[in-house]
């Protein structure tokens, strides 16, 4: 899953052009007023031209501002403005006297400022370059002093510096806006998922989009180790990686619950007892940042690194810290949901699967065994005379027997096996890839272990342990339907009870004969 965020185009108006438009209009209007009041009457033609230019230019700037802000395709109007402004200002060099060059410089400065705000370097540089060529050509035959050319070059240089400064500021603004968009989108998506794997997928996308890092990881504390749930290093992902908690940057962050910003690892690091530990590609990083992650269920850190020094700044630290906060909250929510979901699957007393969930698990496991041509054995067991046992010793002792029985069962089954409470004192076990003979052996071990178990009353008196009866059926050799498998095991359980209880039905010889056919 990828995080989508705004892709700001170079032509997008991140900064308003209104101030530069207003400045241009004021300069033009001031030029009109100056011409009316102070221009020599013998230059009436030039005076009228400048007045007309000032008025037309002011109207054009106002019109351009309205059109630009309402246009969808702003880049088209940017180039149009460059052409119109460049041509007009260049033409002015042939009509106005040298004494008014300061007007040209001011207007070119404002035009380059507005163009840089609304576009990339190329249109703004094109405007400056075109004007400079025309201006120089028009003034070559004049009697300009050397200092006039120096002033001209200085003002053009100042315009170029303004263009570059604005472009750098726009770049920083776009990067910051993109980072905020990523945080916003991450926050929206991460709070809506309760799946831990999906959380790490979203975090991976956030790292890729928001941080320019050669490597990054998310570590979760496991005892004296830090397990790296997500580790990316130099273009490759790594799995099942663990770090020692003590004596590492990661351990320092976790223990101190503070960010650790190491911009240049070539310098001596003043962290007592901490050493650089290489992971992933095994290459030494020269920049490292780590921030803590601690919640109700989560204890760990998030870290980024680079192979060159001074790769990160305080903005990156703050961004990483923000991502870590969101991640901690999401992982806490996912963990809490998993606990609640697990509790919904379990019997509240014995903490084995409840009736409904065990059935779903049995159907799923039976399908897998059938696909893989493997047997699945089912054991139904019941505590003998449990009602009389409760009446004699009390329900609290009876509950302790139920818990002890489930603990005993777990001791003798594999992680792929499952036990559920079928109801009351009746339990059921499924054993994938286990035949009848093997299931009988497991049942016998459970029976013997329970018989050897000791239970004491509140007066510390040893109490007898009730016996158990069991019935076994095997899928698919006896039936290929789970409902019939349950009925068969249940019928055999009652046969065991009718034979005198404390029995396993069928006997071992039954499976030997069945499995050799």
Protein backbone atom coordinates (compact mmCIF):
# COMPACT_ATOMS: atom_id res chain seq x y z
CA UNK A 1 0.00 0.00 0.00
CA UNK A 2 1.30 3.44 -0.95
CA UNK A 3 0.61 6.73 0.69
CA UNK A 4 -0.71 9.27 -1.80
CA UNK A 5 0.23 12.89 -1.31
CA UNK A 6 0.09 16.13 -3.25
CA UNK A 7 2.56 16.42 -6.10
CA UNK A 8 3.08 20.16 -6.35
CA UNK A 9 4.00 21.31 -9.85
CA UNK A 10 6.67 24.00 -10.33
CA UNK A 11 4.01 26.37 -11.66
CA UNK A 12 1.79 26.06 -8.60
CA UNK A 13 1.39 29.38 -6.85
CA UNK A 14 2.81 28.47 -3.43
CA UNK A 15 3.51 32.18 -2.69
CA UNK A 16 1.14 34.96 -3.70
CA UNK A 17 2.25 37.20 -6.56
CA UNK A 18 -0.01 40.02 -5.34
CA UNK A 19 2.80 42.02 -3.62
CA UNK A 20 4.94 42.05 -6.77
CA UNK A 21 1.91 42.95 -8.92
CA UNK A 22 1.04 45.84 -6.59
CA UNK A 23 4.67 46.99 -6.57
CA UNK A 24 4.77 46.95 -10.37
CA UNK A 25 1.53 48.94 -10.64
CA UNK A 26 2.77 51.50 -8.08
CA UNK A 27 6.06 51.95 -9.95
CA UNK A 28 4.25 52.42 -13.25
CA UNK A 29 1.74 54.87 -11.77
CA UNK A 30 4.56 56.78 -10.09
CA UNK A 31 6.26 56.96 -13.47
CA UNK A 32 3.08 58.40 -14.99
CA UNK A 33 2.79 61.05 -12.25
CA UNK A 34 6.48 61.93 -12.56
CA UNK A 35 6.20 62.30 -16.32
CA UNK A 36 3.17 64.57 -16.01
CA UNK A 37 4.80 66.82 -13.44
CA UNK A 38 8.49 66.92 -14.24
CA UNK A 39 9.15 65.68 -17.80
CA UNK A 40 10.59 68.42 -20.10
CA UNK A 41 7.92 69.76 -22.50
CA UNK A 42 10.32 69.55 -25.47
CA UNK A 43 10.22 65.72 -25.24
CA UNK A 44 6.45 65.56 -25.56
CA UNK A 45 6.45 62.38 -27.68
CA UNK A 46 8.54 60.41 -25.19
CA UNK A 47 6.52 61.88 -22.34
CA UNK A 48 3.25 60.69 -23.85
CA UNK A 49 4.78 57.28 -24.62
CA UNK A 50 5.89 56.79 -21.03
CA UNK A 51 2.48 57.90 -19.72
CA UNK A 52 0.72 55.50 -22.08
CA UNK A 53 3.12 52.73 -21.14
CA UNK A 54 2.53 53.32 -17.43
CA UNK A 55 -1.23 53.22 -17.76
CA UNK A 56 -1.26 50.22 -20.13
CA UNK A 57 1.27 48.39 -18.00
CA UNK A 58 -0.80 48.90 -14.85
CA UNK A 59 -3.92 47.61 -16.55
CA UNK A 60 -1.99 44.64 -17.93
CA UNK A 61 -0.62 43.70 -14.51
CA UNK A 62 -4.09 43.89 -12.96
CA UNK A 63 -5.55 41.81 -15.80
CA UNK A 64 -2.69 39.28 -15.57
CA UNK A 65 -3.22 38.85 -11.83
CA UNK A 66 -6.91 38.05 -12.29
CA UNK A 67 -6.32 35.69 -15.23
CA UNK A 68 -3.42 33.92 -13.53
CA UNK A 69 -5.30 33.22 -10.31
CA UNK A 70 -8.37 31.89 -12.10
CA UNK A 71 -6.51 29.81 -14.69
CA UNK A 72 -6.05 26.06 -14.38
CA UNK A 73 -3.03 25.93 -16.72
CA UNK A 74 -0.86 28.56 -15.05
CA UNK A 75 2.32 27.57 -16.89
CA UNK A 76 0.83 28.75 -20.19
CA UNK A 77 0.21 32.25 -18.80
CA UNK A 78 3.63 32.29 -17.18
CA UNK A 79 5.38 31.97 -20.52
CA UNK A 80 2.94 34.42 -22.09
CA UNK A 81 3.84 36.96 -19.42
CA UNK A 82 7.56 36.35 -19.98
CA UNK A 83 7.18 37.01 -23.69
CA UNK A 84 4.98 40.12 -23.24
CA UNK A 85 7.05 41.57 -20.37
CA UNK A 86 10.37 40.79 -22.02
CA UNK A 87 9.34 42.24 -25.37
CA UNK A 88 7.84 45.38 -23.82
CA UNK A 89 10.75 46.10 -21.49
CA UNK A 90 13.26 45.39 -24.25
CA UNK A 91 11.40 47.75 -26.60
CA UNK A 92 11.50 50.49 -23.95
CA UNK A 93 15.28 50.55 -24.13
CA UNK A 94 14.99 52.09 -27.63
CA UNK A 95 12.49 54.81 -26.61
CA UNK A 96 13.32 56.13 -23.17
CA UNK A 97 16.41 58.17 -22.40
CA UNK A 98 19.37 56.76 -20.49
CA UNK A 99 18.43 58.91 -17.51
CA UNK A 100 15.41 56.63 -16.97
CA UNK A 101 17.37 53.35 -16.98
CA UNK A 102 16.57 53.05 -13.29
CA UNK A 103 12.92 52.62 -14.29
CA UNK A 104 13.86 49.72 -16.58
CA UNK A 105 15.95 48.08 -13.86
CA UNK A 106 13.11 48.37 -11.34
CA UNK A 107 10.53 46.96 -13.73
CA UNK A 108 12.81 44.08 -14.77
CA UNK A 109 13.47 43.32 -11.11
CA UNK A 110 9.74 43.21 -10.34
CA UNK A 111 8.98 41.15 -13.46
CA UNK A 112 11.67 38.61 -12.64
CA UNK A 113 10.40 38.45 -9.06
CA UNK A 114 6.81 37.74 -10.17
CA UNK A 115 7.95 35.19 -12.77
CA UNK A 116 10.11 33.36 -10.25
CA UNK A 117 7.22 33.20 -7.79
CA UNK A 118 4.92 31.60 -10.34
CA UNK A 119 7.33 29.39 -12.25
CA UNK A 120 10.68 27.63 -12.40
CA UNK A 121 14.10 29.10 -13.07
CA UNK A 122 13.90 28.81 -16.87
CA UNK A 123 11.17 31.43 -17.56
CA UNK A 124 12.68 33.88 -15.07
CA UNK A 125 16.21 33.43 -16.41
CA UNK A 126 14.91 33.74 -19.96
CA UNK A 127 13.34 37.10 -19.11
CA UNK A 128 16.57 38.41 -17.58
CA UNK A 129 18.76 37.07 -20.37
CA UNK A 130 16.53 38.42 -23.16
CA UNK A 131 16.34 41.88 -21.60
CA UNK A 132 20.11 41.97 -20.96
CA UNK A 133 20.91 41.14 -24.59
CA UNK A 134 18.50 43.77 -25.98
CA UNK A 135 19.60 46.41 -23.45
CA UNK A 136 23.28 45.86 -24.16
CA UNK A 137 22.67 46.03 -27.92
CA UNK A 138 20.70 49.27 -27.63
CA UNK A 139 23.28 50.97 -25.43
CA UNK A 140 26.49 49.91 -27.19
CA UNK A 141 26.64 53.09 -29.28
CA UNK A 142 25.74 55.38 -26.39
CA UNK A 143 28.01 57.33 -24.12
CA UNK A 144 27.39 55.29 -20.98
CA UNK A 145 30.14 55.50 -18.42
CA UNK A 146 31.85 52.43 -17.06
CA UNK A 147 30.07 52.76 -13.73
CA UNK A 148 26.73 52.73 -15.59
CA UNK A 149 27.58 49.32 -17.00
CA UNK A 150 28.69 48.20 -13.56
CA UNK A 151 25.33 49.33 -12.11
CA UNK A 152 23.52 47.51 -14.90
CA UNK A 153 25.46 44.30 -14.26
CA UNK A 154 24.91 44.62 -10.49
CA UNK A 155 21.17 45.02 -10.83
CA UNK A 156 20.94 42.05 -13.20
CA UNK A 157 23.00 40.03 -10.75
CA UNK A 158 20.70 41.09 -7.93
CA UNK A 159 17.71 39.94 -10.00
CA UNK A 160 19.36 36.57 -10.57
CA UNK A 161 20.07 36.23 -6.85
CA UNK A 162 16.44 36.99 -6.04
CA UNK A 163 15.29 34.38 -8.57
CA UNK A 164 17.58 31.74 -7.06
CA UNK A 165 16.59 32.62 -3.51
CA UNK A 166 12.90 32.37 -4.34
CA UNK A 167 13.44 29.01 -6.05
CA UNK A 168 15.24 27.68 -2.98
CA UNK A 169 12.47 28.93 -0.71
CA UNK A 170 9.85 27.36 -2.97
CA UNK A 171 11.75 24.08 -2.90
CA UNK A 172 11.83 24.13 0.90
CA UNK A 173 8.14 25.05 1.00
CA UNK A 174 7.21 22.22 -1.38
CA UNK A 175 9.23 19.72 0.65
CA UNK A 176 7.62 20.85 3.89
CA UNK A 177 4.14 20.77 2.39
CA UNK A 178 4.78 17.29 0.98
CA UNK A 179 5.98 16.12 4.37
CA UNK A 180 2.90 17.53 6.05
CA UNK A 181 0.72 15.88 3.43
CA UNK A 182 2.47 12.57 4.09
CA UNK A 183 1.96 12.92 7.85
CA UNK A 184 -1.68 13.84 7.31
CA UNK A 185 -2.30 10.95 4.92
CA UNK A 186 -0.36 8.55 7.14
CA UNK A 187 -2.45 9.64 10.13
CA UNK A 188 -5.71 9.08 8.26
CA UNK A 189 -4.73 5.66 6.96
CA UNK A 190 -2.85 4.36 9.96
CA UNK A 191 -5.68 4.99 12.44
CA UNK A 192 -8.11 3.11 10.21
CA UNK A 193 -6.15 -0.15 10.21
CA UNK A 194 -5.98 -2.70 12.99
CA UNK A 195 -3.57 -5.00 11.19
CA UNK A 196 0.05 -4.82 12.34
CA UNK A 197 1.49 -5.83 8.97
CA UNK A 198 -0.50 -3.12 7.22
CA UNK A 199 0.80 -0.58 9.74
CA UNK A 200 4.39 -1.46 8.82
CA UNK A 201 3.51 -1.27 5.11
CA UNK A 202 2.19 2.25 5.59
CA UNK A 203 5.24 3.24 7.61
CA UNK A 204 7.53 1.89 4.90
CA UNK A 205 5.73 4.08 2.34
CA UNK A 206 6.08 7.10 4.63
CA UNK A 207 9.83 6.52 4.96
CA UNK A 208 10.24 6.22 1.21
CA UNK A 209 8.25 9.37 0.46
CA UNK A 210 9.20 11.71 3.29
CA UNK A 211 12.81 10.97 4.25
CA UNK A 212 15.93 10.88 2.14
CA UNK A 213 17.65 8.05 4.01
CA UNK A 214 19.94 5.23 2.86
CA UNK A 215 18.58 2.95 5.56
CA UNK A 216 15.84 2.88 8.17
CA UNK A 217 14.33 0.45 10.66
CA UNK A 218 11.67 0.00 13.31
CA UNK A 219 12.79 -1.99 16.34
CA UNK A 220 10.64 -3.58 19.06
CA UNK A 221 12.06 -4.66 22.42
CA UNK A 222 12.11 -8.39 23.13
CA UNK A 223 13.80 -8.95 26.48
CA UNK A 224 17.45 -8.00 26.08
CA UNK A 225 17.19 -7.75 22.31
CA UNK A 226 15.63 -5.40 19.78
CA UNK A 227 13.81 -7.17 16.96
CA UNK A 228 13.82 -5.18 13.73
CA UNK A 229 10.30 -5.49 12.36
CA UNK A 230 11.18 -3.38 9.31
CA UNK A 231 14.77 -3.02 8.07
CA UNK A 232 15.68 -1.34 4.79
CA UNK A 233 19.31 -0.74 3.89
CA UNK A 234 20.74 0.52 0.61
CA UNK A 235 17.93 -0.72 -1.62
CA UNK A 236 17.26 -4.06 0.11
CA UNK A 237 14.90 -5.28 2.83
CA UNK A 238 16.13 -7.62 5.57
CA UNK A 239 14.12 -9.95 7.81
CA UNK A 240 14.59 -11.70 11.17
CA UNK A 241 17.30 -9.29 12.32
CA UNK A 242 17.91 -8.70 16.03
CA UNK A 243 20.17 -6.24 17.83
CA UNK A 244 21.50 -6.38 21.38
CA UNK A 245 19.71 -3.84 23.50
CA UNK A 246 22.69 -2.95 25.62
CA UNK A 247 25.63 -1.04 24.23
CA UNK A 248 23.92 0.17 21.03
CA UNK A 249 22.43 3.42 19.76
CA UNK A 250 19.04 1.71 19.72
CA UNK A 251 19.33 0.65 23.35
CA UNK A 252 20.36 4.18 24.36
CA UNK A 253 17.26 5.66 22.72
CA UNK A 254 14.99 3.07 24.34
CA UNK A 255 16.54 3.37 27.80
CA UNK A 256 16.66 7.19 27.85
CA UNK A 257 13.38 7.72 25.97
CA UNK A 258 15.00 10.57 24.05
CA UNK A 259 15.86 11.18 20.44
CA UNK A 260 19.48 10.63 19.43
CA UNK A 261 20.72 12.88 16.61
CA UNK A 262 24.20 12.02 15.33
CA UNK A 263 24.83 14.15 12.22
CA UNK A 264 28.49 13.10 11.75
CA UNK A 265 29.63 9.72 13.06
CA UNK A 266 33.21 10.47 12.04
CA UNK A 267 33.43 12.54 15.18
CA UNK A 268 33.94 11.06 18.63
CA UNK A 269 30.56 10.01 20.07
CA UNK A 270 30.25 10.81 23.78
CA UNK A 271 28.01 7.90 24.76
CA UNK A 272 29.59 5.71 27.39
CA UNK A 273 29.43 1.99 26.69
CA UNK A 274 27.79 2.46 23.28
CA UNK A 275 29.32 1.04 20.12
CA UNK A 276 28.35 1.08 16.45
CA UNK A 277 26.65 -2.18 15.45
CA UNK A 278 26.37 -2.92 11.72
CA UNK A 279 23.16 -4.41 10.29
CA UNK A 280 21.72 -4.92 6.84
CA UNK A 281 24.44 -4.50 4.22
CA UNK A 282 27.11 -4.27 6.92
CA UNK A 283 28.28 -0.82 5.83
CA UNK A 284 29.07 1.96 8.30
CA UNK A 285 26.63 4.87 8.36
CA UNK A 286 27.92 8.39 8.88
CA UNK A 287 24.61 9.99 9.91
CA UNK A 288 22.10 8.44 12.33
CA UNK A 289 18.85 9.53 13.94
CA UNK A 290 16.76 7.51 16.37
CA UNK A 291 13.53 8.37 18.23
CA UNK A 292 11.73 6.32 20.92
CA UNK A 293 8.40 4.52 20.53
CA UNK A 294 6.68 3.71 23.80
CA UNK A 295 3.01 3.00 24.31
CA UNK A 296 0.82 0.69 26.34
CA UNK A 297 1.91 -2.40 24.41
CA UNK A 298 4.81 -1.06 22.32
CA UNK A 299 8.38 -0.41 23.43
CA UNK A 300 10.96 0.29 20.76
CA UNK A 301 12.39 2.89 18.42
CA UNK A 302 12.43 4.21 14.87
CA UNK A 303 15.74 5.09 13.21
CA UNK A 304 17.12 6.44 9.92
CA UNK A 305 20.70 6.53 8.67
CA UNK A 306 22.80 7.69 5.72
CA UNK A 307 26.23 6.83 4.34
CA UNK A 308 27.33 10.47 4.19
CA UNK A 309 27.66 12.93 7.07
CA UNK A 310 25.20 15.73 7.84
CA UNK A 311 22.46 14.03 5.81
CA UNK A 312 19.70 15.07 8.23
CA UNK A 313 18.65 18.23 10.03
CA UNK A 314 16.36 19.08 12.92
CA UNK A 315 13.40 19.10 10.57
CA UNK A 316 14.05 15.44 9.77
CA UNK A 317 14.28 14.63 13.49
CA UNK A 318 10.93 16.32 14.15
CA UNK A 319 9.35 14.55 11.18
CA UNK A 320 10.66 11.16 12.34
CA UNK A 321 9.40 11.88 15.85
CA UNK A 322 5.94 12.70 14.49
CA UNK A 323 5.86 9.50 12.43
CA UNK A 324 6.98 7.52 15.49
CA UNK A 325 4.12 8.95 17.56
CA UNK A 326 1.58 7.98 14.93
CA UNK A 327 3.15 4.53 14.58
CA UNK A 328 3.10 3.91 18.34
CA UNK A 329 -0.57 4.79 18.56
CA UNK A 330 -1.42 2.58 15.56
CA UNK A 331 0.58 -0.40 16.85
CA UNK A 332 -1.01 -0.02 20.28
CA UNK A 333 -4.46 -0.03 18.70
CA UNK A 334 -3.62 -3.06 16.56
CA UNK A 335 -2.22 -4.93 19.56
CA UNK A 336 -5.24 -4.07 21.71
CA UNK A 337 -7.55 -5.22 18.93
CA UNK A 338 -5.61 -8.48 18.57
CA UNK A 339 -5.94 -9.11 22.31
CA UNK A 340 -9.67 -8.39 22.22
CA UNK A 341 -10.08 -10.60 19.15
CA UNK A 342 -8.09 -13.40 20.78
CA UNK A 343 -10.20 -13.15 23.93
CA UNK A 344 -13.28 -13.47 21.77
CA UNK A 345 -11.92 -16.77 20.46
CA UNK A 346 -11.11 -18.23 23.87
CA UNK A 347 -13.02 -19.76 26.71
CA UNK A 348 -12.81 -17.30 29.61
CA UNK A 349 -11.88 -19.92 32.25
CA UNK A 350 -9.53 -22.34 30.53
CA UNK A 351 -8.24 -20.01 27.75
CA UNK A 352 -8.59 -22.70 25.11
CA UNK A 353 -10.64 -22.07 21.96
CA UNK A 354 -14.36 -21.71 22.45
CA UNK A 355 -16.86 -23.94 20.64
CA UNK A 356 -17.51 -21.68 17.64
CA UNK A 357 -13.93 -20.75 16.88
CA UNK A 358 -12.70 -24.31 17.29
CA UNK A 359 -15.21 -25.42 14.65
CA UNK A 360 -13.92 -22.77 12.18
CA UNK A 361 -10.34 -23.82 12.86
CA UNK A 362 -11.25 -27.51 12.43
CA UNK A 363 -12.91 -26.93 9.05
CA UNK A 364 -9.96 -24.89 7.83
CA UNK A 365 -7.40 -27.43 9.04
CA UNK A 366 -9.36 -30.36 7.58
CA UNK A 367 -9.35 -28.66 4.18
CA UNK A 368 -5.58 -28.20 4.32
CA UNK A 369 -5.01 -31.82 5.36
CA UNK A 370 -7.25 -33.05 2.56
CA UNK A 371 -5.36 -30.93 0.02
CA UNK A 372 -2.02 -32.25 1.29
CA UNK A 373 -3.23 -35.87 1.57
CA UNK A 374 -2.59 -35.91 5.32
CA UNK A 375 -4.67 -37.41 8.13
CA UNK A 376 -6.25 -35.36 10.89
CA UNK A 377 -7.19 -36.96 14.18
CA UNK A 378 -9.90 -35.67 16.49
CA UNK A 379 -10.05 -36.48 20.22
CA UNK A 380 -13.24 -35.87 22.20
CA UNK A 381 -12.74 -36.13 25.97
CA UNK A 382 -14.94 -35.76 28.99
CA UNK A 383 -14.21 -35.65 32.72
CA UNK A 384 -15.80 -38.65 34.44
CA UNK A 385 -18.43 -37.98 37.15
CA UNK A 386 -17.61 -34.27 37.12
CA UNK A 387 -20.98 -33.18 38.56
CA UNK A 388 -20.47 -35.37 41.62
CA UNK A 389 -16.90 -34.05 41.88
CA UNK A 390 -18.18 -30.45 41.93
CA UNK A 391 -20.86 -31.31 44.46
CA UNK A 392 -18.28 -32.94 46.71
CA UNK A 393 -15.36 -30.49 46.55
CA UNK A 394 -16.97 -27.29 45.29
CA UNK A 395 -17.02 -25.46 41.99
CA UNK A 396 -13.76 -23.61 42.65
CA UNK A 397 -11.92 -26.92 42.89
CA UNK A 398 -13.82 -28.09 39.85
CA UNK A 399 -12.65 -25.02 37.91
CA UNK A 400 -9.08 -25.76 38.97
CA UNK A 401 -9.45 -29.29 37.54
CA UNK A 402 -10.65 -27.85 34.21
CA UNK A 403 -7.67 -25.47 34.05
CA UNK A 404 -5.24 -28.23 35.02
CA UNK A 405 -6.67 -30.53 32.35
CA UNK A 406 -6.14 -27.90 29.63
CA UNK A 407 -2.58 -27.24 30.80
CA UNK A 408 -1.92 -30.98 30.69
CA UNK A 409 -3.31 -31.24 27.17
CA UNK A 410 -1.10 -28.37 25.97
CA UNK A 411 1.96 -30.17 27.33
CA UNK A 412 1.39 -33.06 24.93
CA UNK A 413 0.31 -31.36 21.69
CA UNK A 414 2.21 -29.40 19.05
CA UNK A 415 1.82 -25.74 18.14
CA UNK A 416 -0.09 -26.80 15.01
CA UNK A 417 -2.60 -28.74 17.13
CA UNK A 418 -5.53 -27.09 18.89
CA UNK A 419 -7.77 -27.70 21.88
CA UNK A 420 -11.24 -26.30 22.47
CA UNK A 421 -13.91 -26.40 25.15
CA UNK A 422 -16.90 -28.16 23.64
CA UNK A 423 -19.16 -27.45 26.60
CA UNK A 424 -19.11 -27.92 30.35
CA UNK A 425 -16.47 -30.54 31.16
CA UNK A 426 -16.18 -31.79 27.56
CA UNK A 427 -13.17 -30.83 25.43
CA UNK A 428 -12.03 -31.52 21.87
CA UNK A 429 -8.56 -31.68 20.28
CA UNK A 430 -7.58 -31.79 16.61
CA UNK A 431 -4.19 -33.12 15.55
CA UNK A 432 -3.17 -32.36 11.93
CA UNK A 433 -0.91 -34.86 10.16
CA UNK A 434 -1.55 -37.40 12.93
CA UNK A 435 -2.97 -40.91 12.39
CA UNK A 436 -5.10 -42.95 14.78
CA UNK A 437 -2.18 -44.81 16.38
CA UNK A 438 -0.33 -41.57 17.10
CA UNK A 439 -3.50 -39.92 18.42
CA UNK A 440 -4.07 -42.86 20.79
CA UNK A 441 -0.53 -42.49 22.14
CA UNK A 442 -1.08 -38.75 22.73
CA UNK A 443 -4.42 -39.44 24.43
CA UNK A 444 -2.78 -42.03 26.68
CA UNK A 445 -0.04 -39.56 27.71
CA UNK A 446 -2.65 -36.92 28.54
CA UNK A 447 -4.59 -39.45 30.63
CA UNK A 448 -1.50 -40.57 32.53
CA UNK A 449 -0.23 -37.03 33.13
CA UNK A 450 -3.57 -35.90 34.51
CA UNK A 451 -3.73 -38.90 36.82
CA UNK A 452 -0.34 -37.98 38.24
CA UNK A 453 -1.40 -34.36 38.83
CA UNK A 454 -1.95 -33.15 42.42
CA UNK A 455 -4.66 -30.74 43.54
CA UNK A 456 -4.88 -29.34 47.04
CA UNK A 457 -7.84 -27.90 48.90
CA UNK A 458 -7.70 -24.64 50.80
CA UNK A 459 -6.68 -26.73 53.84
CA UNK A 460 -3.68 -28.06 51.85
CA UNK A 461 -5.22 -31.52 51.68
CA UNK A 462 -4.46 -33.54 48.55
CA UNK A 463 -7.62 -34.20 46.58
CA UNK A 464 -8.24 -36.99 44.09
CA UNK A 465 -8.12 -36.15 40.38
CA UNK A 466 -11.10 -37.26 38.33
CA UNK A 467 -10.45 -39.58 35.43
CA UNK A 468 -11.21 -38.79 31.77
CA UNK A 469 -12.76 -40.76 28.95
CA UNK A 470 -11.82 -40.19 25.29
CA UNK A 471 -13.09 -41.00 21.82
CA UNK A 472 -10.95 -40.74 18.67
CA UNK A 473 -11.86 -40.43 14.99
CA UNK A 474 -9.63 -39.82 11.95
CA UNK A 475 -10.24 -37.66 8.88
CA UNK A 476 -10.51 -38.53 6.00
CA UNK A 477 -9.82 -42.26 6.39
CA UNK A 478 -13.07 -42.78 8.33
CA UNK A 479 -15.10 -39.83 7.03
CA UNK A 480 -14.38 -36.81 4.86
CA UNK A 481 -16.93 -34.55 6.58
CA UNK A 482 -16.04 -32.70 9.76
CA UNK A 483 -19.58 -32.92 11.19
CA UNK A 484 -19.54 -36.69 10.85
CA UNK A 485 -15.98 -36.75 12.24
CA UNK A 486 -17.21 -34.95 15.39
CA UNK A 487 -20.22 -37.28 15.72
CA UNK A 488 -18.00 -40.35 15.34
CA UNK A 489 -15.53 -39.17 18.00
CA UNK A 490 -18.45 -38.23 20.29
CA UNK A 491 -20.10 -41.66 19.89
CA UNK A 492 -16.81 -43.36 20.72
CA UNK A 493 -16.45 -41.14 23.79
CA UNK A 494 -19.78 -42.49 25.10
CA UNK A 495 -18.71 -46.05 24.28
CA UNK A 496 -15.64 -45.44 26.46
CA UNK A 497 -17.88 -44.23 29.27
CA UNK A 498 -20.20 -47.22 28.92
CA UNK A 499 -17.19 -49.55 29.14
CA UNK A 500 -16.49 -48.21 32.61
CA UNK A 501 -14.91 -44.77 32.02
CA UNK A 502 -11.22 -43.87 32.26
CA UNK A 503 -10.99 -45.41 28.77
CA UNK A 504 -9.86 -44.54 25.24
CA UNK A 505 -12.07 -45.72 22.38
CA UNK A 506 -11.18 -47.36 20.07
CA UNK A 507 -8.29 -49.39 21.41
CA UNK A 508 -4.86 -49.25 19.76
CA UNK A 509 -5.37 -52.53 17.91
CA UNK A 510 -8.27 -50.97 15.96
CA UNK A 511 -5.95 -48.44 14.32
CA UNK A 512 -3.30 -51.03 13.57
CA UNK A 513 -5.84 -53.07 11.63
CA UNK A 514 -7.38 -50.03 9.91
CA UNK A 515 -4.09 -48.44 8.86
CA UNK A 516 -2.63 -51.66 7.45
CA UNK A 517 -5.57 -52.20 5.08
